[in-house]
Amino acid sequence: MLFTKREIPEWFNEWMKFVPVSLFTALVVKDVFIDSKSYQLMFTQVPEMLAAVIVIIIAYRTRSMAISVITGLIGVFLLSMVI
């Protein structure tokens, strides 16, 4: 109700475009690289790291969030069975 008659500045709209990417990156980095018990950097989750690299490549090429998420889920599942 406060912003219905007020125009939002262009710089704010440009800045808000980066919020979803930043939040998604923070969640992924926390889950893949940081131990939730000791909050230390770790490199023991190899399947998740490999799946993250695959998802980055797929997301860059397809620009599709749905395909990227599905690829990531399948990648983690298959890699955790193999590794």
PDB file of N, CA and C in Angstrom:
ATOM      1  N   MET A   1       0.816  -1.183   0.000  1.00  0.00           N
ATOM      2  CA  MET A   1       0.000   0.000   0.000  1.00  0.00           C
ATOM      3  C   MET A   1       0.869   1.261   0.000  1.00  0.00           C
ATOM      4  N   LEU A   2       2.022   1.162   0.623  1.00  0.00           N
ATOM      5  CA  LEU A   2       2.909   2.310   0.708  1.00  0.00           C
ATOM      6  C   LEU A   2       3.527   2.648  -0.647  1.00  0.00           C
ATOM      7  N   PHE A   3       3.819   1.631  -1.461  1.00  0.00           N
ATOM      8  CA  PHE A   3       4.506   1.850  -2.738  1.00  0.00           C
ATOM      9  C   PHE A   3       3.571   1.822  -3.947  1.00  0.00           C
ATOM     10  N   THR A   4       2.286   1.749  -3.748  1.00  0.00           N
ATOM     11  CA  THR A   4       1.381   1.647  -4.902  1.00  0.00           C
ATOM     12  C   THR A   4       1.373   2.902  -5.754  1.00  0.00           C
ATOM     13  N   LYS A   5       1.475   4.065  -5.151  1.00  0.00           N
ATOM     14  CA  LYS A   5       1.443   5.321  -5.911  1.00  0.00           C
ATOM     15  C   LYS A   5       2.826   5.925  -6.088  1.00  0.00           C
ATOM     16  N   ARG A   6       3.814   5.253  -5.583  1.00  0.00           N
ATOM     17  CA  ARG A   6       5.175   5.770  -5.635  1.00  0.00           C
ATOM     18  C   ARG A   6       5.991   4.969  -6.658  1.00  0.00           C
ATOM     19  N   GLU A   7       6.769   5.650  -7.453  1.00  0.00           N
ATOM     20  CA  GLU A   7       7.579   4.966  -8.466  1.00  0.00           C
ATOM     21  C   GLU A   7       8.903   4.517  -7.850  1.00  0.00           C
ATOM     22  N   ILE A   8       9.273   3.288  -8.125  1.00  0.00           N
ATOM     23  CA  ILE A   8      10.515   2.723  -7.594  1.00  0.00           C
ATOM     24  C   ILE A   8      11.669   3.161  -8.499  1.00  0.00           C
ATOM     25  N   PRO A   9      12.771   3.630  -7.910  1.00  0.00           N
ATOM     26  CA  PRO A   9      13.910   4.080  -8.735  1.00  0.00           C
ATOM     27  C   PRO A   9      14.513   2.941  -9.555  1.00  0.00           C
ATOM     28  N   GLU A  10      15.048   3.292 -10.698  1.00  0.00           N
ATOM     29  CA  GLU A  10      15.637   2.305 -11.602  1.00  0.00           C
ATOM     30  C   GLU A  10      16.825   1.582 -10.965  1.00  0.00           C
ATOM     31  N   TRP A  11      17.650   2.299 -10.180  1.00  0.00           N
ATOM     32  CA  TRP A  11      18.812   1.667  -9.549  1.00  0.00           C
ATOM     33  C   TRP A  11      18.378   0.575  -8.584  1.00  0.00           C
ATOM     34  N   PHE A  12      17.226   0.749  -7.942  1.00  0.00           N
ATOM     35  CA  PHE A  12      16.724  -0.264  -7.002  1.00  0.00           C
ATOM     36  C   PHE A  12      16.284  -1.514  -7.763  1.00  0.00           C
ATOM     37  N   ASN A  13      15.617  -1.325  -8.893  1.00  0.00           N
ATOM     38  CA  ASN A  13      15.213  -2.472  -9.720  1.00  0.00           C
ATOM     39  C   ASN A  13      16.419  -3.236 -10.238  1.00  0.00           C
ATOM     40  N   GLU A  14      17.463  -2.518 -10.651  1.00  0.00           N
ATOM     41  CA  GLU A  14      18.689  -3.177 -11.105  1.00  0.00           C
ATOM     42  C   GLU A  14      19.343  -3.955  -9.969  1.00  0.00           C
ATOM     43  N   TRP A  15      19.375  -3.381  -8.802  1.00  0.00           N
ATOM     44  CA  TRP A  15      19.975  -4.028  -7.635  1.00  0.00           C
ATOM     45  C   TRP A  15      19.196  -5.276  -7.239  1.00  0.00           C
ATOM     46  N   MET A  16      17.881  -5.224  -7.320  1.00  0.00           N
ATOM     47  CA  MET A  16      17.041  -6.361  -6.926  1.00  0.00           C
ATOM     48  C   MET A  16      17.186  -7.559  -7.860  1.00  0.00           C
ATOM     49  N   LYS A  17      17.681  -7.357  -9.068  1.00  0.00           N
ATOM     50  CA  LYS A  17      17.902  -8.477  -9.990  1.00  0.00           C
ATOM     51  C   LYS A  17      18.949  -9.448  -9.469  1.00  0.00           C
ATOM     52  N   PHE A  18      19.857  -8.966  -8.613  1.00  0.00           N
ATOM     53  CA  PHE A  18      20.937  -9.808  -8.106  1.00  0.00           C
ATOM     54  C   PHE A  18      20.567 -10.562  -6.831  1.00  0.00           C
ATOM     55  N   VAL A  19      19.451 -10.241  -6.220  1.00  0.00           N
ATOM     56  CA  VAL A  19      19.074 -10.870  -4.951  1.00  0.00           C
ATOM     57  C   VAL A  19      18.829 -12.371  -5.096  1.00  0.00           C
ATOM     58  N   PRO A  20      18.043 -12.866  -6.061  1.00  0.00           N
ATOM     59  CA  PRO A  20      17.844 -14.323  -6.156  1.00  0.00           C
ATOM     60  C   PRO A  20      19.141 -15.093  -6.382  1.00  0.00           C
ATOM     61  N   VAL A  21      20.015 -14.584  -7.240  1.00  0.00           N
ATOM     62  CA  VAL A  21      21.288 -15.255  -7.509  1.00  0.00           C
ATOM     63  C   VAL A  21      22.153 -15.282  -6.258  1.00  0.00           C
ATOM     64  N   SER A  22      22.179 -14.183  -5.531  1.00  0.00           N
ATOM     65  CA  SER A  22      22.986 -14.110  -4.309  1.00  0.00           C
ATOM     66  C   SER A  22      22.475 -15.075  -3.243  1.00  0.00           C
ATOM     67  N   LEU A  23      21.166 -15.125  -3.059  1.00  0.00           N
ATOM     68  CA  LEU A  23      20.603 -16.041  -2.065  1.00  0.00           C
ATOM     69  C   LEU A  23      20.848 -17.495  -2.448  1.00  0.00           C
ATOM     70  N   PHE A  24      20.649 -17.826  -3.708  1.00  0.00           N
ATOM     71  CA  PHE A  24      20.877 -19.189  -4.175  1.00  0.00           C
ATOM     72  C   PHE A  24      22.336 -19.593  -3.995  1.00  0.00           C
ATOM     73  N   THR A  25      23.254 -18.693  -4.323  1.00  0.00           N
ATOM     74  CA  THR A  25      24.676 -18.968  -4.162  1.00  0.00           C
ATOM     75  C   THR A  25      25.035 -19.178  -2.701  1.00  0.00           C
ATOM     76  N   ALA A  26      24.502 -18.351  -1.826  1.00  0.00           N
ATOM     77  CA  ALA A  26      24.786 -18.500  -0.396  1.00  0.00           C
ATOM     78  C   ALA A  26      24.290 -19.842   0.132  1.00  0.00           C
ATOM     79  N   LEU A  27      23.124 -20.267  -0.291  1.00  0.00           N
ATOM     80  CA  LEU A  27      22.586 -21.556   0.162  1.00  0.00           C
ATOM     81  C   LEU A  27      23.423 -22.722  -0.365  1.00  0.00           C
ATOM     82  N   VAL A  28      23.803 -22.664  -1.618  1.00  0.00           N
ATOM     83  CA  VAL A  28      24.583 -23.756  -2.212  1.00  0.00           C
ATOM     84  C   VAL A  28      25.963 -23.836  -1.569  1.00  0.00           C
ATOM     85  N   VAL A  29      26.633 -22.715  -1.420  1.00  0.00           N
ATOM     86  CA  VAL A  29      27.977 -22.715  -0.836  1.00  0.00           C
ATOM     87  C   VAL A  29      27.927 -23.220   0.596  1.00  0.00           C
ATOM     88  N   LYS A  30      26.923 -22.823   1.348  1.00  0.00           N
ATOM     89  CA  LYS A  30      26.799 -23.288   2.732  1.00  0.00           C
ATOM     90  C   LYS A  30      26.609 -24.800   2.789  1.00  0.00           C
ATOM     91  N   ASP A  31      25.764 -25.341   1.934  1.00  0.00           N
ATOM     92  CA  ASP A  31      25.496 -26.776   1.971  1.00  0.00           C
ATOM     93  C   ASP A  31      26.635 -27.622   1.428  1.00  0.00           C
ATOM     94  N   VAL A  32      27.360 -27.117   0.448  1.00  0.00           N
ATOM     95  CA  VAL A  32      28.398 -27.916  -0.186  1.00  0.00           C
ATOM     96  C   VAL A  32      29.748 -27.782   0.505  1.00  0.00           C
ATOM     97  N   PHE A  33      30.113 -26.585   0.937  1.00  0.00           N
ATOM     98  CA  PHE A  33      31.474 -26.345   1.401  1.00  0.00           C
ATOM     99  C   PHE A  33      31.627 -26.127   2.905  1.00  0.00           C
ATOM    100  N   ILE A  34      30.549 -25.949   3.659  1.00  0.00           N
ATOM    101  CA  ILE A  34      30.686 -25.624   5.076  1.00  0.00           C
ATOM    102  C   ILE A  34      30.011 -26.698   5.916  1.00  0.00           C
ATOM    103  N   ASP A  35      30.753 -27.210   6.900  1.00  0.00           N
ATOM    104  CA  ASP A  35      30.231 -28.213   7.822  1.00  0.00           C
ATOM    105  C   ASP A  35      29.255 -27.547   8.773  1.00  0.00           C
ATOM    106  N   SER A  36      28.045 -28.084   8.872  1.00  0.00           N
ATOM    107  CA  SER A  36      27.010 -27.450   9.692  1.00  0.00           C
ATOM    108  C   SER A  36      27.250 -27.613  11.193  1.00  0.00           C
ATOM    109  N   LYS A  37      28.085 -28.551  11.595  1.00  0.00           N
ATOM    110  CA  LYS A  37      28.346 -28.749  13.023  1.00  0.00           C
ATOM    111  C   LYS A  37      29.453 -27.839  13.530  1.00  0.00           C
ATOM    112  N   SER A  38      30.544 -27.739  12.785  1.00  0.00           N
ATOM    113  CA  SER A  38      31.688 -26.957  13.260  1.00  0.00           C
ATOM    114  C   SER A  38      31.861 -25.640  12.508  1.00  0.00           C
ATOM    115  N   TYR A  39      31.067 -25.414  11.463  1.00  0.00           N
ATOM    116  CA  TYR A  39      31.154 -24.213  10.640  1.00  0.00           C
ATOM    117  C   TYR A  39      32.557 -23.981  10.092  1.00  0.00           C
ATOM    118  N   GLN A  40      33.189 -25.065   9.659  1.00  0.00           N
ATOM    119  CA  GLN A  40      34.511 -24.978   9.057  1.00  0.00           C
ATOM    120  C   GLN A  40      34.416 -25.345   7.589  1.00  0.00           C
ATOM    121  N   LEU A  41      35.336 -24.787   6.820  1.00  0.00           N
ATOM    122  CA  LEU A  41      35.401 -25.093   5.408  1.00  0.00           C
ATOM    123  C   LEU A  41      35.829 -26.546   5.233  1.00  0.00           C
ATOM    124  N   MET A  42      35.151 -27.258   4.345  1.00  0.00           N
ATOM    125  CA  MET A  42      35.481 -28.667   4.134  1.00  0.00           C
ATOM    126  C   MET A  42      35.389 -28.999   2.653  1.00  0.00           C
ATOM    127  N   PHE A  43      36.108 -30.031   2.285  1.00  0.00           N
ATOM    128  CA  PHE A  43      36.091 -30.506   0.906  1.00  0.00           C
ATOM    129  C   PHE A  43      35.846 -32.009   0.884  1.00  0.00           C
ATOM    130  N   THR A  44      34.930 -32.478   1.703  1.00  0.00           N
ATOM    131  CA  THR A  44      34.661 -33.910   1.799  1.00  0.00           C
ATOM    132  C   THR A  44      33.413 -34.332   1.038  1.00  0.00           C
ATOM    133  N   GLN A  45      32.632 -33.405   0.605  1.00  0.00           N
ATOM    134  CA  GLN A  45      31.390 -33.749  -0.091  1.00  0.00           C
ATOM    135  C   GLN A  45      31.619 -33.719  -1.602  1.00  0.00           C
ATOM    136  N   VAL A  46      32.360 -34.684  -2.072  1.00  0.00           N
ATOM    137  CA  VAL A  46      32.762 -34.743  -3.479  1.00  0.00           C
ATOM    138  C   VAL A  46      31.565 -34.886  -4.418  1.00  0.00           C
ATOM    139  N   PRO A  47      30.591 -35.766  -4.154  1.00  0.00           N
ATOM    140  CA  PRO A  47      29.452 -35.850  -5.088  1.00  0.00           C
ATOM    141  C   PRO A  47      28.707 -34.525  -5.247  1.00  0.00           C
ATOM    142  N   GLU A  48      28.522 -33.814  -4.149  1.00  0.00           N
ATOM    143  CA  GLU A  48      27.819 -32.537  -4.216  1.00  0.00           C
ATOM    144  C   GLU A  48      28.620 -31.497  -4.991  1.00  0.00           C
ATOM    145  N   MET A  49      29.945 -31.518  -4.812  1.00  0.00           N
ATOM    146  CA  MET A  49      30.793 -30.567  -5.535  1.00  0.00           C
ATOM    147  C   MET A  49      30.784 -30.848  -7.036  1.00  0.00           C
ATOM    148  N   LEU A  50      30.874 -32.114  -7.401  1.00  0.00           N
ATOM    149  CA  LEU A  50      30.833 -32.465  -8.821  1.00  0.00           C
ATOM    150  C   LEU A  50      29.476 -32.133  -9.426  1.00  0.00           C
ATOM    151  N   ALA A  51      28.406 -32.406  -8.690  1.00  0.00           N
ATOM    152  CA  ALA A  51      27.066 -32.070  -9.173  1.00  0.00           C
ATOM    153  C   ALA A  51      26.909 -30.560  -9.317  1.00  0.00           C
ATOM    154  N   ALA A  52      27.514 -29.792  -8.419  1.00  0.00           N
ATOM    155  CA  ALA A  52      27.438 -28.331  -8.514  1.00  0.00           C
ATOM    156  C   ALA A  52      28.129 -27.831  -9.777  1.00  0.00           C
ATOM    157  N   VAL A  53      29.263 -28.414 -10.118  1.00  0.00           N
ATOM    158  CA  VAL A  53      29.962 -28.021 -11.345  1.00  0.00           C
ATOM    159  C   VAL A  53      29.118 -28.364 -12.574  1.00  0.00           C
ATOM    160  N   ILE A  54      28.524 -29.539 -12.566  1.00  0.00           N
ATOM    161  CA  ILE A  54      27.661 -29.951 -13.681  1.00  0.00           C
ATOM    162  C   ILE A  54      26.468 -29.005 -13.802  1.00  0.00           C
ATOM    163  N   VAL A  55      25.865 -28.652 -12.674  1.00  0.00           N
ATOM    164  CA  VAL A  55      24.708 -27.757 -12.698  1.00  0.00           C
ATOM    165  C   VAL A  55      25.093 -26.370 -13.205  1.00  0.00           C
ATOM    166  N   ILE A  56      26.257 -25.887 -12.828  1.00  0.00           N
ATOM    167  CA  ILE A  56      26.703 -24.576 -13.314  1.00  0.00           C
ATOM    168  C   ILE A  56      26.813 -24.589 -14.837  1.00  0.00           C
ATOM    169  N   ILE A  57      27.369 -25.649 -15.372  1.00  0.00           N
ATOM    170  CA  ILE A  57      27.516 -25.755 -16.832  1.00  0.00           C
ATOM    171  C   ILE A  57      26.149 -25.843 -17.507  1.00  0.00           C
ATOM    172  N   ILE A  58      25.271 -26.687 -16.966  1.00  0.00           N
ATOM    173  CA  ILE A  58      23.920 -26.845 -17.531  1.00  0.00           C
ATOM    174  C   ILE A  58      23.137 -25.536 -17.427  1.00  0.00           C
ATOM    175  N   ALA A  59      23.222 -24.864 -16.292  1.00  0.00           N
ATOM    176  CA  ALA A  59      22.491 -23.607 -16.112  1.00  0.00           C
ATOM    177  C   ALA A  59      23.005 -22.534 -17.067  1.00  0.00           C
ATOM    178  N   TYR A  60      24.300 -22.497 -17.279  1.00  0.00           N
ATOM    179  CA  TYR A  60      24.872 -21.508 -18.195  1.00  0.00           C
ATOM    180  C   TYR A  60      24.404 -21.752 -19.627  1.00  0.00           C
ATOM    181  N   ARG A  61      24.359 -23.011 -20.020  1.00  0.00           N
ATOM    182  CA  ARG A  61      23.986 -23.329 -21.403  1.00  0.00           C
ATOM    183  C   ARG A  61      22.484 -23.239 -21.649  1.00  0.00           C
ATOM    184  N   THR A  62      21.667 -23.704 -20.693  1.00  0.00           N
ATOM    185  CA  THR A  62      20.221 -23.763 -20.944  1.00  0.00           C
ATOM    186  C   THR A  62      19.473 -22.542 -20.418  1.00  0.00           C
ATOM    187  N   ARG A  63      20.018 -21.875 -19.388  1.00  0.00           N
ATOM    188  CA  ARG A  63      19.344 -20.742 -18.735  1.00  0.00           C
ATOM    189  C   ARG A  63      17.987 -21.146 -18.164  1.00  0.00           C
ATOM    190  N   SER A  64      17.865 -22.421 -17.784  1.00  0.00           N
ATOM    191  CA  SER A  64      16.614 -22.935 -17.252  1.00  0.00           C
ATOM    192  C   SER A  64      16.811 -23.404 -15.816  1.00  0.00           C
ATOM    193  N   MET A  65      16.062 -22.811 -14.905  1.00  0.00           N
ATOM    194  CA  MET A  65      16.159 -23.198 -13.504  1.00  0.00           C
ATOM    195  C   MET A  65      15.640 -24.618 -13.295  1.00  0.00           C
ATOM    196  N   ALA A  66      14.557 -24.975 -13.965  1.00  0.00           N
ATOM    197  CA  ALA A  66      13.971 -26.307 -13.793  1.00  0.00           C
ATOM    198  C   ALA A  66      14.943 -27.400 -14.249  1.00  0.00           C
ATOM    199  N   ILE A  67      15.522 -27.230 -15.421  1.00  0.00           N
ATOM    200  CA  ILE A  67      16.472 -28.228 -15.932  1.00  0.00           C
ATOM    201  C   ILE A  67      17.699 -28.300 -15.032  1.00  0.00           C
ATOM    202  N   SER A  68      18.142 -27.159 -14.520  1.00  0.00           N
ATOM    203  CA  SER A  68      19.311 -27.133 -13.638  1.00  0.00           C
ATOM    204  C   SER A  68      19.043 -27.873 -12.329  1.00  0.00           C
ATOM    205  N   VAL A  69      17.886 -27.629 -11.738  1.00  0.00           N
ATOM    206  CA  VAL A  69      17.546 -28.294 -10.470  1.00  0.00           C
ATOM    207  C   VAL A  69      17.404 -29.797 -10.671  1.00  0.00           C
ATOM    208  N   ILE A  70      16.718 -30.192 -11.719  1.00  0.00           N
ATOM    209  CA  ILE A  70      16.538 -31.630 -11.987  1.00  0.00           C
ATOM    210  C   ILE A  70      17.890 -32.288 -12.261  1.00  0.00           C
ATOM    211  N   THR A  71      18.727 -31.630 -13.035  1.00  0.00           N
ATOM    212  CA  THR A  71      20.066 -32.155 -13.304  1.00  0.00           C
ATOM    213  C   THR A  71      20.872 -32.284 -12.017  1.00  0.00           C
ATOM    214  N   GLY A  72      20.781 -31.296 -11.143  1.00  0.00           N
ATOM    215  CA  GLY A  72      21.497 -31.349  -9.868  1.00  0.00           C
ATOM    216  C   GLY A  72      21.034 -32.488  -8.986  1.00  0.00           C
ATOM    217  N   LEU A  73      19.734 -32.683  -8.906  1.00  0.00           N
ATOM    218  CA  LEU A  73      19.203 -33.784  -8.086  1.00  0.00           C
ATOM    219  C   LEU A  73      19.643 -35.145  -8.625  1.00  0.00           C
ATOM    220  N   ILE A  74      19.521 -35.306  -9.930  1.00  0.00           N
ATOM    221  CA  ILE A  74      19.940 -36.577 -10.538  1.00  0.00           C
ATOM    222  C   ILE A  74      21.454 -36.760 -10.394  1.00  0.00           C
ATOM    223  N   GLY A  75      22.198 -35.675 -10.576  1.00  0.00           N
ATOM    224  CA  GLY A  75      23.651 -35.750 -10.448  1.00  0.00           C
ATOM    225  C   GLY A  75      24.101 -36.152  -9.056  1.00  0.00           C
ATOM    226  N   VAL A  76      23.517 -35.542  -8.031  1.00  0.00           N
ATOM    227  CA  VAL A  76      23.883 -35.898  -6.652  1.00  0.00           C
ATOM    228  C   VAL A  76      23.506 -37.347  -6.370  1.00  0.00           C
ATOM    229  N   PHE A  77      22.343 -37.776  -6.824  1.00  0.00           N
ATOM    230  CA  PHE A  77      21.907 -39.146  -6.595  1.00  0.00           C
ATOM    231  C   PHE A  77      22.864 -40.142  -7.247  1.00  0.00           C
ATOM    232  N   LEU A  78      23.160 -39.940  -8.519  1.00  0.00           N
ATOM    233  CA  LEU A  78      24.035 -40.889  -9.234  1.00  0.00           C
ATOM    234  C   LEU A  78      25.471 -40.845  -8.720  1.00  0.00           C
ATOM    235  N   LEU A  79      25.984 -39.643  -8.473  1.00  0.00           N
ATOM    236  CA  LEU A  79      27.372 -39.535  -7.999  1.00  0.00           C
ATOM    237  C   LEU A  79      27.544 -40.099  -6.588  1.00  0.00           C
ATOM    238  N   SER A  80      26.530 -39.945  -5.744  1.00  0.00           N
ATOM    239  CA  SER A  80      26.665 -40.509  -4.396  1.00  0.00           C
ATOM    240  C   SER A  80      26.570 -42.032  -4.402  1.00  0.00           C
ATOM    241  N   MET A  81      25.970 -42.603  -5.439  1.00  0.00           N
ATOM    242  CA  MET A  81      25.966 -44.059  -5.549  1.00  0.00           C
ATOM    243  C   MET A  81      27.305 -44.566  -6.048  1.00  0.00           C
ATOM    244  N   VAL A  82      27.971 -43.800  -6.899  1.00  0.00           N
ATOM    245  CA  VAL A  82      29.232 -44.212  -7.508  1.00  0.00           C
ATOM    246  C   VAL A  82      30.414 -43.931  -6.580  1.00  0.00           C
ATOM    247  N   ILE A  83      30.420 -42.733  -5.987  1.00  0.00           N
ATOM    248  CA  ILE A  83      31.569 -42.324  -5.165  1.00  0.00           C
ATOM    249  C   ILE A  83      31.355 -42.718  -3.715  1.00  0.00           C
TER     250      ILE A  83
END
